[in-house]
Amino acid sequence: MTTATATPAKKAAKKTRRMDAQMIPTIAAVVIFILMIIMGQALFGTYLRLGFISSLFIDHAYLIILAVAMTLPILTGGIDLSVGAIVAITAVIGIKMTIAGVPAFLVMIVMLLIGALFGLLAATLIEEFNMQPFIATLSTMFLARGIASIISTDSLTFPNNNNFDVISNEIKIIDNPKISNDLSINLGVIIAIVVLIGGYILLHHTRTGRTIYAIGGSRSSAELMGLPVRRAQFTIYITSATLAALASIVYIANIGSAKNTVGVGWELDAVASVVIGGTIITGGFGYVLGSALGALVRSIIDPLTTDFGVPAEWTTIVVGLMILVFVVLQRVVTAVGDKK
């Protein structure tokens, strides 16, 4: 009787230790973010200014949304390579429609529907035609990018009074007397926060969320448990693509223009954010909150390299090295957790 009760207890303890160990990459991301802020402040004196913090969130709200979007497929051991291209096609179509006089609200709905359609296509290829997520979303990536290029290769700019500025208009939280040092947000930041909260609720308080984690652990086991794996896969890729379209709305509202090349490489920035935030690249473990933190770490690399006078090309190298370090750290942590 003692042995029978001890065995489940040991298994539970081992699982707890493994989860604690898997938190190490996320904790490392927190430490790195804090150290980067401290270094920037010590060397350049601007990184703790309210204006800098405001810009960090306002300028990269779209990346936080993309990071949440990318977390969903990666948690299952999949990936969505189409998010950057979906940003491009929805941005080009959105601005074209606005120039034609279509109301902004209707334009946004169309953009979201286009994103959802690409997600539906990717999910159909994965579930109905048994394609690997990498190949399926690579196909939709080229399709979206190609259509965007057919529609326009010119830089498109919003006309005046386009109503997208409702998203980009800054809301002052702290009105600092110093010039350009107010603590501000805009609707884009609020949207990113809502997406983050929604992602957390989906993953941790719904059956779909439990299914997503179960698929990442073992799809066959999830199916044997009677979990709705197929429905969850459709939910994942439709949601991911729709969030990419939402990120496009937030981005073009801030920038005011776009062209067919916008979003190139953003899928890799999203993957970097997710990995840096502690999500296991093979699936089964991770948090959207960690992914959002990873997006902030990725975002702060740009001003740091600029302030150091380093060529822009080095940003890609730094991000690549960070991904390498975090993936290796994940492997080591997982291996150690399995042995204990």
C-alpha atoms as a PDB file:
ATOM      1  CA  MET A   1       0.000   0.000   0.000  1.00  0.00           C
ATOM      2  CA  THR A   2       2.857   2.326   0.840  1.00  0.00           C
ATOM      3  CA  THR A   3       4.611   1.486  -2.424  1.00  0.00           C
ATOM      4  CA  ALA A   4       1.429   2.046  -4.414  1.00  0.00           C
ATOM      5  CA  THR A   5       0.946   5.518  -2.977  1.00  0.00           C
ATOM      6  CA  ALA A   6       4.630   6.380  -3.200  1.00  0.00           C
ATOM      7  CA  THR A   7       4.879   5.713  -6.936  1.00  0.00           C
ATOM      8  CA  PRO A   8       2.285   8.343  -7.996  1.00  0.00           C
ATOM      9  CA  ALA A   9       3.830  10.755  -5.502  1.00  0.00           C
ATOM     10  CA  LYS A  10       7.265  10.262  -7.051  1.00  0.00           C
ATOM     11  CA  LYS A  11       5.840  10.762 -10.543  1.00  0.00           C
ATOM     12  CA  ALA A  12       4.110  13.964  -9.450  1.00  0.00           C
ATOM     13  CA  ALA A  13       7.303  15.227  -7.818  1.00  0.00           C
ATOM     14  CA  LYS A  14       9.298  14.442 -10.961  1.00  0.00           C
ATOM     15  CA  LYS A  15       6.751  16.286 -13.104  1.00  0.00           C
ATOM     16  CA  THR A  16       6.899  19.300 -10.781  1.00  0.00           C
ATOM     17  CA  ARG A  17      10.712  19.364 -10.879  1.00  0.00           C
ATOM     18  CA  ARG A  18      10.647  19.154 -14.659  1.00  0.00           C
ATOM     19  CA  MET A  19       8.184  22.049 -14.941  1.00  0.00           C
ATOM     20  CA  ASP A  20      10.298  24.096 -12.538  1.00  0.00           C
ATOM     21  CA  ALA A  21      13.377  23.351 -14.648  1.00  0.00           C
ATOM     22  CA  GLN A  22      11.528  24.298 -17.839  1.00  0.00           C
ATOM     23  CA  MET A  23      10.852  27.729 -16.353  1.00  0.00           C
ATOM     24  CA  ILE A  24      14.598  28.484 -16.440  1.00  0.00           C
ATOM     25  CA  PRO A  25      14.579  29.879 -20.036  1.00  0.00           C
ATOM     26  CA  THR A  26      11.697  32.224 -19.159  1.00  0.00           C
ATOM     27  CA  ILE A  27      13.502  33.382 -16.029  1.00  0.00           C
ATOM     28  CA  ALA A  28      16.626  33.873 -18.140  1.00  0.00           C
ATOM     29  CA  ALA A  29      14.614  36.078 -20.517  1.00  0.00           C
ATOM     30  CA  VAL A  30      13.472  38.231 -17.577  1.00  0.00           C
ATOM     31  CA  VAL A  31      17.064  38.601 -16.385  1.00  0.00           C
ATOM     32  CA  ILE A  32      18.322  39.447 -19.886  1.00  0.00           C
ATOM     33  CA  PHE A  33      15.603  42.072 -20.377  1.00  0.00           C
ATOM     34  CA  ILE A  34      16.430  43.736 -17.061  1.00  0.00           C
ATOM     35  CA  LEU A  35      20.166  43.658 -17.803  1.00  0.00           C
ATOM     36  CA  MET A  36      19.617  45.186 -21.257  1.00  0.00           C
ATOM     37  CA  ILE A  37      17.576  48.016 -19.734  1.00  0.00           C
ATOM     38  CA  ILE A  38      20.219  48.613 -17.042  1.00  0.00           C
ATOM     39  CA  MET A  39      23.028  48.573 -19.612  1.00  0.00           C
ATOM     40  CA  GLY A  40      21.173  50.960 -21.904  1.00  0.00           C
ATOM     41  CA  GLN A  41      20.448  53.315 -19.041  1.00  0.00           C
ATOM     42  CA  ALA A  42      24.021  53.199 -17.718  1.00  0.00           C
ATOM     43  CA  LEU A  43      25.602  53.853 -21.117  1.00  0.00           C
ATOM     44  CA  PHE A  44      23.096  56.127 -22.815  1.00  0.00           C
ATOM     45  CA  GLY A  45      20.866  57.448 -20.016  1.00  0.00           C
ATOM     46  CA  THR A  46      17.547  57.110 -21.847  1.00  0.00           C
ATOM     47  CA  TYR A  47      16.322  53.559 -21.292  1.00  0.00           C
ATOM     48  CA  LEU A  48      14.420  54.302 -18.085  1.00  0.00           C
ATOM     49  CA  ARG A  49      12.850  57.459 -19.478  1.00  0.00           C
ATOM     50  CA  LEU A  50       9.074  57.338 -19.722  1.00  0.00           C
ATOM     51  CA  GLY A  51       9.257  58.339 -23.373  1.00  0.00           C
ATOM     52  CA  PHE A  52      11.512  55.385 -24.220  1.00  0.00           C
ATOM     53  CA  ILE A  53       9.281  52.894 -22.395  1.00  0.00           C
ATOM     54  CA  SER A  54       6.225  54.320 -24.161  1.00  0.00           C
ATOM     55  CA  SER A  55       7.890  54.021 -27.571  1.00  0.00           C
ATOM     56  CA  LEU A  56       9.012  50.460 -26.837  1.00  0.00           C
ATOM     57  CA  PHE A  57       5.421  49.339 -26.306  1.00  0.00           C
ATOM     58  CA  ILE A  58       3.741  51.537 -28.930  1.00  0.00           C
ATOM     59  CA  ASP A  59       6.211  50.725 -31.718  1.00  0.00           C
ATOM     60  CA  HIS A  60       6.237  46.979 -31.003  1.00  0.00           C
ATOM     61  CA  ALA A  61       2.634  46.259 -30.037  1.00  0.00           C
ATOM     62  CA  TYR A  62       2.301  44.435 -33.365  1.00  0.00           C
ATOM     63  CA  LEU A  63       5.188  42.114 -32.434  1.00  0.00           C
ATOM     64  CA  ILE A  64       3.561  41.208 -29.112  1.00  0.00           C
ATOM     65  CA  ILE A  65       0.431  40.226 -31.054  1.00  0.00           C
ATOM     66  CA  LEU A  66       2.500  38.168 -33.514  1.00  0.00           C
ATOM     67  CA  ALA A  67       4.320  36.486 -30.617  1.00  0.00           C
ATOM     68  CA  VAL A  68       0.996  35.398 -29.106  1.00  0.00           C
ATOM     69  CA  ALA A  69      -0.104  34.182 -32.547  1.00  0.00           C
ATOM     70  CA  MET A  70       3.074  32.138 -33.037  1.00  0.00           C
ATOM     71  CA  THR A  71       2.906  30.625 -29.545  1.00  0.00           C
ATOM     72  CA  LEU A  72      -0.207  28.623 -30.426  1.00  0.00           C
ATOM     73  CA  PRO A  73       1.236  26.457 -33.244  1.00  0.00           C
ATOM     74  CA  ILE A  74       4.656  26.135 -31.590  1.00  0.00           C
ATOM     75  CA  LEU A  75       3.022  24.737 -28.442  1.00  0.00           C
ATOM     76  CA  THR A  76       1.792  21.840 -30.593  1.00  0.00           C
ATOM     77  CA  GLY A  77       5.205  21.292 -32.160  1.00  0.00           C
ATOM     78  CA  GLY A  78       4.098  23.119 -35.323  1.00  0.00           C
ATOM     79  CA  ILE A  79       4.833  26.546 -36.778  1.00  0.00           C
ATOM     80  CA  ASP A  80       3.118  29.267 -38.817  1.00  0.00           C
ATOM     81  CA  LEU A  81       5.470  30.754 -41.401  1.00  0.00           C
ATOM     82  CA  SER A  82       2.720  32.789 -43.052  1.00  0.00           C
ATOM     83  CA  VAL A  83       2.195  35.495 -40.408  1.00  0.00           C
ATOM     84  CA  GLY A  84       4.547  38.037 -42.017  1.00  0.00           C
ATOM     85  CA  ALA A  85       3.035  37.531 -45.471  1.00  0.00           C
ATOM     86  CA  ILE A  86      -0.483  37.843 -44.044  1.00  0.00           C
ATOM     87  CA  VAL A  87       0.576  41.187 -42.576  1.00  0.00           C
ATOM     88  CA  ALA A  88       1.654  42.225 -46.090  1.00  0.00           C
ATOM     89  CA  ILE A  89      -1.459  41.173 -47.992  1.00  0.00           C
ATOM     90  CA  THR A  90      -3.872  42.572 -45.410  1.00  0.00           C
ATOM     91  CA  ALA A  91      -1.909  45.840 -45.168  1.00  0.00           C
ATOM     92  CA  VAL A  92      -1.890  46.365 -48.942  1.00  0.00           C
ATOM     93  CA  ILE A  93      -5.574  45.490 -49.319  1.00  0.00           C
ATOM     94  CA  GLY A  94      -6.498  47.560 -46.266  1.00  0.00           C
ATOM     95  CA  ILE A  95      -4.818  50.738 -47.497  1.00  0.00           C
ATOM     96  CA  LYS A  96      -6.132  50.204 -51.048  1.00  0.00           C
ATOM     97  CA  MET A  97      -9.685  49.941 -49.702  1.00  0.00           C
ATOM     98  CA  THR A  98      -9.194  53.028 -47.522  1.00  0.00           C
ATOM     99  CA  ILE A  99      -7.939  55.021 -50.519  1.00  0.00           C
ATOM    100  CA  ALA A 100     -11.078  53.890 -52.374  1.00  0.00           C
ATOM    101  CA  GLY A 101     -13.210  55.429 -49.609  1.00  0.00           C
ATOM    102  CA  VAL A 102     -14.326  52.290 -47.763  1.00  0.00           C
ATOM    103  CA  PRO A 103     -15.045  53.032 -44.059  1.00  0.00           C
ATOM    104  CA  ALA A 104     -12.210  52.074 -41.713  1.00  0.00           C
ATOM    105  CA  PHE A 105     -14.330  49.713 -39.598  1.00  0.00           C
ATOM    106  CA  LEU A 106     -15.369  47.723 -42.661  1.00  0.00           C
ATOM    107  CA  VAL A 107     -11.760  47.674 -43.897  1.00  0.00           C
ATOM    108  CA  MET A 108     -10.601  46.203 -40.586  1.00  0.00           C
ATOM    109  CA  ILE A 109     -13.260  43.483 -40.720  1.00  0.00           C
ATOM    110  CA  VAL A 110     -12.197  42.547 -44.258  1.00  0.00           C
ATOM    111  CA  MET A 111      -8.543  42.423 -43.180  1.00  0.00           C
ATOM    112  CA  LEU A 112      -9.381  40.083 -40.292  1.00  0.00           C
ATOM    113  CA  LEU A 113     -11.491  37.861 -42.562  1.00  0.00           C
ATOM    114  CA  ILE A 114      -8.644  37.601 -45.081  1.00  0.00           C
ATOM    115  CA  GLY A 115      -6.324  36.513 -42.297  1.00  0.00           C
ATOM    116  CA  ALA A 116      -8.861  33.942 -41.092  1.00  0.00           C
ATOM    117  CA  LEU A 117      -9.215  32.532 -44.631  1.00  0.00           C
ATOM    118  CA  PHE A 118      -5.469  31.979 -44.913  1.00  0.00           C
ATOM    119  CA  GLY A 119      -5.524  30.289 -41.508  1.00  0.00           C
ATOM    120  CA  LEU A 120      -8.402  28.074 -42.638  1.00  0.00           C
ATOM    121  CA  LEU A 121      -6.451  27.124 -45.759  1.00  0.00           C
ATOM    122  CA  ALA A 122      -3.353  26.239 -43.727  1.00  0.00           C
ATOM    123  CA  ALA A 123      -5.388  24.191 -41.237  1.00  0.00           C
ATOM    124  CA  THR A 124      -7.129  22.352 -44.084  1.00  0.00           C
ATOM    125  CA  LEU A 125      -3.793  21.462 -45.685  1.00  0.00           C
ATOM    126  CA  ILE A 126      -2.499  20.202 -42.332  1.00  0.00           C
ATOM    127  CA  GLU A 127      -5.552  18.215 -41.230  1.00  0.00           C
ATOM    128  CA  GLU A 128      -7.218  17.121 -44.480  1.00  0.00           C
ATOM    129  CA  PHE A 129      -4.120  16.588 -46.634  1.00  0.00           C
ATOM    130  CA  ASN A 130      -1.785  15.513 -43.829  1.00  0.00           C
ATOM    131  CA  MET A 131       0.827  18.190 -44.646  1.00  0.00           C
ATOM    132  CA  GLN A 132       3.472  19.180 -42.147  1.00  0.00           C
ATOM    133  CA  PRO A 133       2.731  22.648 -40.679  1.00  0.00           C
ATOM    134  CA  PHE A 134       6.069  23.904 -42.027  1.00  0.00           C
ATOM    135  CA  ILE A 135       5.124  23.024 -45.626  1.00  0.00           C
ATOM    136  CA  ALA A 136       1.478  24.065 -45.326  1.00  0.00           C
ATOM    137  CA  THR A 137       2.249  27.517 -43.924  1.00  0.00           C
ATOM    138  CA  LEU A 138       5.202  27.948 -46.287  1.00  0.00           C
ATOM    139  CA  SER A 139       2.692  27.486 -49.118  1.00  0.00           C
ATOM    140  CA  THR A 140       0.272  30.042 -47.688  1.00  0.00           C
ATOM    141  CA  MET A 141       3.196  32.403 -47.060  1.00  0.00           C
ATOM    142  CA  PHE A 142       4.193  32.408 -50.738  1.00  0.00           C
ATOM    143  CA  LEU A 143       0.544  32.642 -51.791  1.00  0.00           C
ATOM    144  CA  ALA A 144      -0.150  35.673 -49.584  1.00  0.00           C
ATOM    145  CA  ARG A 145       3.103  37.409 -50.504  1.00  0.00           C
ATOM    146  CA  GLY A 146       2.493  36.783 -54.212  1.00  0.00           C
ATOM    147  CA  ILE A 147      -1.045  38.167 -54.136  1.00  0.00           C
ATOM    148  CA  ALA A 148       0.171  41.229 -52.219  1.00  0.00           C
ATOM    149  CA  SER A 149       2.779  41.842 -54.942  1.00  0.00           C
ATOM    150  CA  ILE A 150       0.173  41.460 -57.694  1.00  0.00           C
ATOM    151  CA  ILE A 151      -2.095  44.001 -56.006  1.00  0.00           C
ATOM    152  CA  SER A 152       0.659  46.608 -55.643  1.00  0.00           C
ATOM    153  CA  THR A 153       4.420  46.937 -55.540  1.00  0.00           C
ATOM    154  CA  ASP A 154       4.250  50.650 -54.741  1.00  0.00           C
ATOM    155  CA  SER A 155       4.415  52.206 -51.304  1.00  0.00           C
ATOM    156  CA  LEU A 156       0.830  52.964 -50.318  1.00  0.00           C
ATOM    157  CA  THR A 157      -0.071  55.763 -47.908  1.00  0.00           C
ATOM    158  CA  PHE A 158      -3.272  56.375 -45.993  1.00  0.00           C
ATOM    159  CA  PRO A 159      -5.305  59.387 -47.125  1.00  0.00           C
ATOM    160  CA  ASN A 160      -5.972  62.123 -44.586  1.00  0.00           C
ATOM    161  CA  ASN A 161      -8.824  61.587 -42.114  1.00  0.00           C
ATOM    162  CA  ASN A 162      -8.770  57.806 -42.548  1.00  0.00           C
ATOM    163  CA  ASN A 163     -10.003  56.921 -39.018  1.00  0.00           C
ATOM    164  CA  PHE A 164      -7.195  54.392 -38.546  1.00  0.00           C
ATOM    165  CA  ASP A 165      -5.576  57.106 -36.434  1.00  0.00           C
ATOM    166  CA  VAL A 166      -8.024  56.143 -33.674  1.00  0.00           C
ATOM    167  CA  ILE A 167      -5.643  53.236 -33.044  1.00  0.00           C
ATOM    168  CA  SER A 168      -2.451  55.283 -33.236  1.00  0.00           C
ATOM    169  CA  ASN A 169      -3.524  58.368 -31.247  1.00  0.00           C
ATOM    170  CA  GLU A 170      -1.516  58.469 -28.025  1.00  0.00           C
ATOM    171  CA  ILE A 171      -3.204  58.458 -24.636  1.00  0.00           C
ATOM    172  CA  LYS A 172      -1.115  60.204 -21.985  1.00  0.00           C
ATOM    173  CA  ILE A 173      -0.940  58.414 -18.651  1.00  0.00           C
ATOM    174  CA  ILE A 174       1.739  60.626 -17.089  1.00  0.00           C
ATOM    175  CA  ASP A 175       2.173  64.131 -18.519  1.00  0.00           C
ATOM    176  CA  ASN A 176       5.828  64.805 -17.784  1.00  0.00           C
ATOM    177  CA  PRO A 177       6.974  68.445 -18.032  1.00  0.00           C
ATOM    178  CA  LYS A 178      10.122  67.295 -19.839  1.00  0.00           C
ATOM    179  CA  ILE A 179       9.870  67.260 -23.631  1.00  0.00           C
ATOM    180  CA  SER A 180       9.173  63.819 -25.190  1.00  0.00           C
ATOM    181  CA  ASN A 181       9.165  62.132 -21.810  1.00  0.00           C
ATOM    182  CA  ASP A 182       5.472  61.405 -21.268  1.00  0.00           C
ATOM    183  CA  LEU A 183       4.252  57.943 -20.344  1.00  0.00           C
ATOM    184  CA  SER A 184       1.786  57.171 -23.103  1.00  0.00           C
ATOM    185  CA  ILE A 185      -0.003  54.276 -24.700  1.00  0.00           C
ATOM    186  CA  ASN A 186      -2.354  54.009 -27.640  1.00  0.00           C
ATOM    187  CA  LEU A 187      -5.190  51.724 -28.652  1.00  0.00           C
ATOM    188  CA  GLY A 188      -2.660  49.440 -30.366  1.00  0.00           C
ATOM    189  CA  VAL A 189      -0.996  48.739 -27.007  1.00  0.00           C
ATOM    190  CA  ILE A 190      -4.390  48.106 -25.414  1.00  0.00           C
ATOM    191  CA  ILE A 191      -5.242  45.689 -28.237  1.00  0.00           C
ATOM    192  CA  ALA A 192      -1.940  43.856 -27.668  1.00  0.00           C
ATOM    193  CA  ILE A 193      -2.693  43.563 -23.931  1.00  0.00           C
ATOM    194  CA  VAL A 194      -6.211  42.253 -24.641  1.00  0.00           C
ATOM    195  CA  VAL A 195      -4.770  39.683 -27.082  1.00  0.00           C
ATOM    196  CA  LEU A 196      -2.237  38.639 -24.442  1.00  0.00           C
ATOM    197  CA  ILE A 197      -4.944  38.185 -21.802  1.00  0.00           C
ATOM    198  CA  GLY A 198      -7.151  36.360 -24.300  1.00  0.00           C
ATOM    199  CA  GLY A 199      -4.293  34.027 -25.219  1.00  0.00           C
ATOM    200  CA  TYR A 200      -3.659  33.283 -21.554  1.00  0.00           C
ATOM    201  CA  ILE A 201      -7.330  32.490 -20.921  1.00  0.00           C
ATOM    202  CA  LEU A 202      -7.520  30.300 -24.036  1.00  0.00           C
ATOM    203  CA  LEU A 203      -4.477  28.242 -23.080  1.00  0.00           C
ATOM    204  CA  HIS A 204      -5.028  27.908 -19.345  1.00  0.00           C
ATOM    205  CA  HIS A 205      -8.781  28.029 -18.798  1.00  0.00           C
ATOM    206  CA  THR A 206     -10.365  26.232 -21.770  1.00  0.00           C
ATOM    207  CA  ARG A 207     -10.529  22.688 -23.094  1.00  0.00           C
ATOM    208  CA  THR A 208      -8.975  23.898 -26.337  1.00  0.00           C
ATOM    209  CA  GLY A 209      -5.970  25.143 -24.384  1.00  0.00           C
ATOM    210  CA  ARG A 210      -5.553  21.809 -22.634  1.00  0.00           C
ATOM    211  CA  THR A 211      -5.784  20.102 -26.006  1.00  0.00           C
ATOM    212  CA  ILE A 212      -3.087  22.367 -27.458  1.00  0.00           C
ATOM    213  CA  TYR A 213      -0.661  21.423 -24.696  1.00  0.00           C
ATOM    214  CA  ALA A 214      -1.618  17.749 -25.040  1.00  0.00           C
ATOM    215  CA  ILE A 215      -0.925  17.794 -28.795  1.00  0.00           C
ATOM    216  CA  GLY A 216       2.521  19.206 -28.063  1.00  0.00           C
ATOM    217  CA  GLY A 217       3.176  16.375 -25.630  1.00  0.00           C
ATOM    218  CA  SER A 218       1.902  13.636 -27.934  1.00  0.00           C
ATOM    219  CA  ARG A 219      -0.807  13.991 -30.563  1.00  0.00           C
ATOM    220  CA  SER A 220      -1.599  10.277 -30.534  1.00  0.00           C
ATOM    221  CA  SER A 221      -2.021  10.325 -26.754  1.00  0.00           C
ATOM    222  CA  ALA A 222      -4.278  13.383 -27.011  1.00  0.00           C
ATOM    223  CA  GLU A 223      -6.456  11.559 -29.543  1.00  0.00           C
ATOM    224  CA  LEU A 224      -6.607   8.450 -27.344  1.00  0.00           C
ATOM    225  CA  MET A 225      -7.803  10.635 -24.464  1.00  0.00           C
ATOM    226  CA  GLY A 226     -10.688  11.766 -26.656  1.00  0.00           C
ATOM    227  CA  LEU A 227      -9.538  15.375 -26.924  1.00  0.00           C
ATOM    228  CA  PRO A 228     -10.787  17.366 -29.958  1.00  0.00           C
ATOM    229  CA  VAL A 229      -7.403  17.450 -31.708  1.00  0.00           C
ATOM    230  CA  ARG A 230      -8.668  18.223 -35.202  1.00  0.00           C
ATOM    231  CA  ARG A 231     -10.876  21.088 -34.009  1.00  0.00           C
ATOM    232  CA  ALA A 232      -8.012  22.465 -31.921  1.00  0.00           C
ATOM    233  CA  GLN A 233      -5.701  22.466 -34.948  1.00  0.00           C
ATOM    234  CA  PHE A 234      -8.205  24.477 -36.968  1.00  0.00           C
ATOM    235  CA  THR A 235      -8.616  26.870 -34.036  1.00  0.00           C
ATOM    236  CA  ILE A 236      -4.842  27.289 -33.743  1.00  0.00           C
ATOM    237  CA  TYR A 237      -4.108  28.207 -37.350  1.00  0.00           C
ATOM    238  CA  ILE A 238      -7.222  30.310 -37.926  1.00  0.00           C
ATOM    239  CA  THR A 239      -6.505  32.235 -34.718  1.00  0.00           C
ATOM    240  CA  SER A 240      -2.821  32.637 -35.563  1.00  0.00           C
ATOM    241  CA  ALA A 241      -3.560  34.028 -39.029  1.00  0.00           C
ATOM    242  CA  THR A 242      -6.347  36.288 -37.762  1.00  0.00           C
ATOM    243  CA  LEU A 243      -4.011  37.707 -35.121  1.00  0.00           C
ATOM    244  CA  ALA A 244      -1.456  38.348 -37.878  1.00  0.00           C
ATOM    245  CA  ALA A 245      -4.100  40.431 -39.654  1.00  0.00           C
ATOM    246  CA  LEU A 246      -4.799  42.240 -36.374  1.00  0.00           C
ATOM    247  CA  ALA A 247      -1.072  42.945 -36.017  1.00  0.00           C
ATOM    248  CA  SER A 248      -1.203  44.386 -39.541  1.00  0.00           C
ATOM    249  CA  ILE A 249      -4.018  46.744 -38.519  1.00  0.00           C
ATOM    250  CA  VAL A 250      -2.058  47.966 -35.499  1.00  0.00           C
ATOM    251  CA  TYR A 251       1.141  48.366 -37.524  1.00  0.00           C
ATOM    252  CA  ILE A 252      -0.261  50.316 -40.480  1.00  0.00           C
ATOM    253  CA  ALA A 253      -2.281  52.516 -38.116  1.00  0.00           C
ATOM    254  CA  ASN A 254       0.999  53.550 -36.452  1.00  0.00           C
ATOM    255  CA  ILE A 255       3.097  53.838 -39.608  1.00  0.00           C
ATOM    256  CA  GLY A 256       0.447  55.193 -41.970  1.00  0.00           C
ATOM    257  CA  SER A 257       1.787  53.339 -44.995  1.00  0.00           C
ATOM    258  CA  ALA A 258       2.758  49.903 -46.284  1.00  0.00           C
ATOM    259  CA  LYS A 259       3.879  47.987 -49.365  1.00  0.00           C
ATOM    260  CA  ASN A 260       4.068  44.387 -50.497  1.00  0.00           C
ATOM    261  CA  THR A 261       7.421  43.834 -48.764  1.00  0.00           C
ATOM    262  CA  VAL A 262       6.192  44.754 -45.293  1.00  0.00           C
ATOM    263  CA  GLY A 263       6.437  41.882 -42.835  1.00  0.00           C
ATOM    264  CA  VAL A 264       9.393  40.166 -44.504  1.00  0.00           C
ATOM    265  CA  GLY A 265      11.148  38.161 -41.795  1.00  0.00           C
ATOM    266  CA  TRP A 266       8.542  38.970 -39.161  1.00  0.00           C
ATOM    267  CA  GLU A 267       7.665  35.301 -38.804  1.00  0.00           C
ATOM    268  CA  LEU A 268      11.260  34.777 -37.650  1.00  0.00           C
ATOM    269  CA  ASP A 269      10.994  37.672 -35.195  1.00  0.00           C
ATOM    270  CA  ALA A 270       7.837  36.051 -33.835  1.00  0.00           C
ATOM    271  CA  VAL A 271       9.566  32.666 -33.521  1.00  0.00           C
ATOM    272  CA  ALA A 272      12.515  34.358 -31.804  1.00  0.00           C
ATOM    273  CA  SER A 273      10.148  36.043 -29.337  1.00  0.00           C
ATOM    274  CA  VAL A 274       8.439  32.749 -28.531  1.00  0.00           C
ATOM    275  CA  VAL A 275      11.698  30.820 -28.075  1.00  0.00           C
ATOM    276  CA  ILE A 276      13.356  33.579 -26.025  1.00  0.00           C
ATOM    277  CA  GLY A 277      10.211  33.681 -23.875  1.00  0.00           C
ATOM    278  CA  GLY A 278      10.725  30.049 -22.885  1.00  0.00           C
ATOM    279  CA  THR A 279       8.314  28.084 -25.073  1.00  0.00           C
ATOM    280  CA  ILE A 280       9.799  24.700 -25.960  1.00  0.00           C
ATOM    281  CA  ILE A 281      10.261  24.631 -29.747  1.00  0.00           C
ATOM    282  CA  THR A 282       9.176  20.966 -29.911  1.00  0.00           C
ATOM    283  CA  GLY A 283       5.901  21.795 -28.156  1.00  0.00           C
ATOM    284  CA  GLY A 284       4.148  20.878 -24.940  1.00  0.00           C
ATOM    285  CA  PHE A 285       5.390  23.683 -22.686  1.00  0.00           C
ATOM    286  CA  GLY A 286       5.315  27.469 -22.790  1.00  0.00           C
ATOM    287  CA  TYR A 287       3.388  30.607 -21.915  1.00  0.00           C
ATOM    288  CA  VAL A 288       2.055  33.536 -23.932  1.00  0.00           C
ATOM    289  CA  LEU A 289       3.283  35.829 -21.152  1.00  0.00           C
ATOM    290  CA  GLY A 290       6.797  34.537 -21.774  1.00  0.00           C
ATOM    291  CA  SER A 291       6.351  35.131 -25.508  1.00  0.00           C
ATOM    292  CA  ALA A 292       5.327  38.747 -24.860  1.00  0.00           C
ATOM    293  CA  LEU A 293       8.435  39.173 -22.740  1.00  0.00           C
ATOM    294  CA  GLY A 294      10.484  37.625 -25.547  1.00  0.00           C
ATOM    295  CA  ALA A 295       8.973  40.182 -27.933  1.00  0.00           C
ATOM    296  CA  LEU A 296      10.164  42.993 -25.654  1.00  0.00           C
ATOM    297  CA  VAL A 297      13.665  41.472 -25.497  1.00  0.00           C
ATOM    298  CA  ARG A 298      13.670  41.241 -29.300  1.00  0.00           C
ATOM    299  CA  SER A 299      12.404  44.826 -29.564  1.00  0.00           C
ATOM    300  CA  ILE A 300      15.051  46.349 -27.307  1.00  0.00           C
ATOM    301  CA  ILE A 301      17.869  44.850 -29.395  1.00  0.00           C
ATOM    302  CA  ASP A 302      17.191  47.388 -32.179  1.00  0.00           C
ATOM    303  CA  PRO A 303      17.739  50.601 -30.155  1.00  0.00           C
ATOM    304  CA  LEU A 304      20.724  49.040 -28.376  1.00  0.00           C
ATOM    305  CA  THR A 305      22.516  48.190 -31.617  1.00  0.00           C
ATOM    306  CA  THR A 306      21.676  51.649 -32.986  1.00  0.00           C
ATOM    307  CA  ASP A 307      23.015  53.406 -29.885  1.00  0.00           C
ATOM    308  CA  PHE A 308      26.187  51.330 -30.006  1.00  0.00           C
ATOM    309  CA  GLY A 309      26.647  52.394 -33.628  1.00  0.00           C
ATOM    310  CA  VAL A 310      26.585  48.789 -34.786  1.00  0.00           C
ATOM    311  CA  PRO A 311      25.450  48.167 -38.401  1.00  0.00           C
ATOM    312  CA  ALA A 312      21.833  47.028 -38.711  1.00  0.00           C
ATOM    313  CA  GLU A 313      22.950  43.674 -40.111  1.00  0.00           C
ATOM    314  CA  TRP A 314      24.328  42.781 -36.684  1.00  0.00           C
ATOM    315  CA  THR A 315      20.822  42.848 -35.235  1.00  0.00           C
ATOM    316  CA  THR A 316      20.014  39.674 -37.159  1.00  0.00           C
ATOM    317  CA  ILE A 317      23.203  38.040 -35.896  1.00  0.00           C
ATOM    318  CA  VAL A 318      22.400  38.952 -32.284  1.00  0.00           C
ATOM    319  CA  VAL A 319      18.862  37.567 -32.602  1.00  0.00           C
ATOM    320  CA  GLY A 320      20.196  34.385 -34.208  1.00  0.00           C
ATOM    321  CA  LEU A 321      22.700  33.875 -31.407  1.00  0.00           C
ATOM    322  CA  MET A 322      20.002  34.439 -28.780  1.00  0.00           C
ATOM    323  CA  ILE A 323      17.751  31.832 -30.407  1.00  0.00           C
ATOM    324  CA  LEU A 324      20.672  29.391 -30.495  1.00  0.00           C
ATOM    325  CA  VAL A 325      21.466  29.958 -26.819  1.00  0.00           C
ATOM    326  CA  PHE A 326      17.838  29.580 -25.717  1.00  0.00           C
ATOM    327  CA  VAL A 327      17.216  26.438 -27.792  1.00  0.00           C
ATOM    328  CA  VAL A 328      20.372  24.840 -26.360  1.00  0.00           C
ATOM    329  CA  LEU A 329      19.285  25.933 -22.874  1.00  0.00           C
ATOM    330  CA  GLN A 330      15.883  24.324 -23.453  1.00  0.00           C
ATOM    331  CA  ARG A 331      17.526  21.060 -24.539  1.00  0.00           C
ATOM    332  CA  VAL A 332      19.829  20.992 -21.524  1.00  0.00           C
ATOM    333  CA  VAL A 333      17.026  21.814 -19.097  1.00  0.00           C
ATOM    334  CA  THR A 334      14.736  19.163 -20.602  1.00  0.00           C
ATOM    335  CA  ALA A 335      17.485  16.527 -20.485  1.00  0.00           C
ATOM    336  CA  VAL A 336      18.324  17.330 -16.864  1.00  0.00           C
ATOM    337  CA  GLY A 337      14.645  17.295 -15.924  1.00  0.00           C
ATOM    338  CA  ASP A 338      14.189  13.849 -17.496  1.00  0.00           C
ATOM    339  CA  LYS A 339      17.100  12.392 -15.514  1.00  0.00           C
ATOM    340  CA  LYS A 340      15.876  13.603 -12.124  1.00  0.00           C
END
